[in-house]
C-alpha atoms as a PDB file:
ATOM      1  CA  MET A   1       5.585  -5.726  11.476  1.00  0.00           C
ATOM      2  CA  ASN A   2       2.591  -8.084  11.304  1.00  0.00           C
ATOM      3  CA  PHE A   3       0.081  -7.740   8.443  1.00  0.00           C
ATOM      4  CA  ASP A   4      -3.249  -9.301   7.617  1.00  0.00           C
ATOM      5  CA  LYS A   5      -3.049  -9.291   3.827  1.00  0.00           C
ATOM      6  CA  ASP A   6      -0.182  -9.106   1.343  1.00  0.00           C
ATOM      7  CA  LEU A   7      -0.466  -7.328  -2.021  1.00  0.00           C
ATOM      8  CA  ASP A   8       2.247  -7.862  -4.703  1.00  0.00           C
ATOM      9  CA  ALA A   9       2.067  -4.885  -7.152  1.00  0.00           C
ATOM     10  CA  ARG A  10       5.550  -5.405  -8.502  1.00  0.00           C
ATOM     11  CA  GLY A  11       5.815  -4.652 -12.187  1.00  0.00           C
ATOM     12  CA  LEU A  12       2.677  -2.511 -12.271  1.00  0.00           C
ATOM     13  CA  ASN A  13       2.797   1.119 -13.149  1.00  0.00           C
ATOM     14  CA  CYS A  14       0.763   4.019 -11.918  1.00  0.00           C
ATOM     15  CA  PRO A  15      -2.156   4.014 -11.248  1.00  0.00           C
ATOM     16  CA  LEU A  16      -2.437   0.276 -10.899  1.00  0.00           C
ATOM     17  CA  PRO A  17      -0.687  -0.128  -7.513  1.00  0.00           C
ATOM     18  CA  ILE A  18      -3.103   2.296  -5.995  1.00  0.00           C
ATOM     19  CA  ILE A  19      -6.188   0.793  -7.632  1.00  0.00           C
ATOM     20  CA  LYS A  20      -5.194  -2.686  -6.410  1.00  0.00           C
ATOM     21  CA  THR A  21      -4.447  -1.260  -2.981  1.00  0.00           C
ATOM     22  CA  LYS A  22      -7.906   0.241  -2.790  1.00  0.00           C
ATOM     23  CA  LYS A  23      -9.468  -2.990  -3.735  1.00  0.00           C
ATOM     24  CA  ALA A  24      -7.415  -4.975  -1.210  1.00  0.00           C
ATOM     25  CA  LEU A  25      -8.336  -2.551   1.573  1.00  0.00           C
ATOM     26  CA  ASN A  26     -11.989  -3.052   0.877  1.00  0.00           C
ATOM     27  CA  ASP A  27     -11.617  -6.734   1.755  1.00  0.00           C
ATOM     28  CA  LEU A  28     -10.173  -5.846   5.157  1.00  0.00           C
ATOM     29  CA  THR A  29     -11.958  -4.745   8.359  1.00  0.00           C
ATOM     30  CA  THR A  30     -11.069  -1.719  10.403  1.00  0.00           C
ATOM     31  CA  GLY A  31      -7.706  -1.934  12.085  1.00  0.00           C
ATOM     32  CA  GLN A  32      -6.304  -4.649   9.771  1.00  0.00           C
ATOM     33  CA  VAL A  33      -2.985  -4.024   8.042  1.00  0.00           C
ATOM     34  CA  LEU A  34      -2.153  -4.363   4.325  1.00  0.00           C
ATOM     35  CA  ARG A  35       1.399  -4.887   3.121  1.00  0.00           C
ATOM     36  CA  VAL A  36       1.956  -3.618  -0.484  1.00  0.00           C
ATOM     37  CA  THR A  37       5.098  -4.295  -2.497  1.00  0.00           C
ATOM     38  CA  SER A  38       5.643  -2.179  -5.594  1.00  0.00           C
ATOM     39  CA  THR A  39       8.408  -1.459  -7.968  1.00  0.00           C
ATOM     40  CA  ASP A  40       6.937   1.796  -9.278  1.00  0.00           C
ATOM     41  CA  SER A  41       9.057   4.707  -7.842  1.00  0.00           C
ATOM     42  CA  GLY A  42       5.972   6.974  -8.173  1.00  0.00           C
ATOM     43  CA  SER A  43       4.169   4.758  -5.625  1.00  0.00           C
ATOM     44  CA  ILE A  44       5.977   6.539  -2.741  1.00  0.00           C
ATOM     45  CA  LYS A  45       4.177   9.772  -3.253  1.00  0.00           C
ATOM     46  CA  ASP A  46       1.037   8.076  -4.363  1.00  0.00           C
ATOM     47  CA  MET A  47       0.741   5.900  -1.264  1.00  0.00           C
ATOM     48  CA  GLU A  48       1.190   9.046   0.896  1.00  0.00           C
ATOM     49  CA  ALA A  49      -1.475  10.998  -1.050  1.00  0.00           C
ATOM     50  CA  PHE A  50      -3.799   7.952  -0.981  1.00  0.00           C
ATOM     51  CA  ALA A  51      -3.563   7.492   2.693  1.00  0.00           C
ATOM     52  CA  LYS A  52      -4.273  11.160   3.322  1.00  0.00           C
ATOM     53  CA  GLN A  53      -7.319  11.220   0.918  1.00  0.00           C
ATOM     54  CA  THR A  54      -8.779   8.041   2.254  1.00  0.00           C
ATOM     55  CA  GLY A  55      -8.064   8.329   5.989  1.00  0.00           C
ATOM     56  CA  ASN A  56      -6.182   5.037   6.026  1.00  0.00           C
ATOM     57  CA  GLU A  57      -2.966   5.199   8.038  1.00  0.00           C
ATOM     58  CA  LEU A  58       0.355   4.727   6.301  1.00  0.00           C
ATOM     59  CA  LEU A  59       2.333   2.888   9.002  1.00  0.00           C
ATOM     60  CA  SER A  60       5.558   2.554   7.150  1.00  0.00           C
ATOM     61  CA  SER A  61       7.219   3.149   3.729  1.00  0.00           C
ATOM     62  CA  VAL A  62      10.544   1.469   3.123  1.00  0.00           C
ATOM     63  CA  GLN A  63      12.722   0.529   0.203  1.00  0.00           C
ATOM     64  CA  GLU A  64      13.870  -3.092   0.156  1.00  0.00           C
ATOM     65  CA  GLY A  65      16.108  -4.330  -2.670  1.00  0.00           C
ATOM     66  CA  GLY A  66      14.609  -2.362  -5.535  1.00  0.00           C
ATOM     67  CA  ALA A  67      11.094  -2.558  -4.306  1.00  0.00           C
ATOM     68  CA  TYR A  68       9.004  -0.307  -2.113  1.00  0.00           C
ATOM     69  CA  VAL A  69       7.115  -1.818   0.850  1.00  0.00           C
ATOM     70  CA  PHE A  70       4.184  -0.058   2.354  1.00  0.00           C
ATOM     71  CA  MET A  71       2.157  -0.904   5.430  1.00  0.00           C
ATOM     72  CA  LEU A  72      -1.356   0.556   5.472  1.00  0.00           C
ATOM     73  CA  LYS A  73      -3.777   0.275   8.431  1.00  0.00           C
ATOM     74  CA  LYS A  74      -7.479   0.391   7.312  1.00  0.00           C
ATOM     75  CA  LYS A  75      -9.536   3.124   8.928  1.00  0.00           C
END
C-alpha cells in the first residue's frame, strides 16, 4: 500500500505512539496516508480508538516481525 509519510514509533510506549501519530497527521493534507510502525502491543487498541475519535480512517493494522504497522488516512 502506498503512503505519503512514514512514522517510526518503535521502542516508544503508550501514549507516545499516539501523540507522535497525531503530530504526523497534522502535517498531512486530507486524503494522504500515514504509515506508523510501533512495537507497543497496546498500540493496536490505541490506534483503533484514535481513528474512531478523530475521524481518520484506519486502512490497515498488521503485525510484521514483532512490530505493528498501521496505515491511517487523514480525514
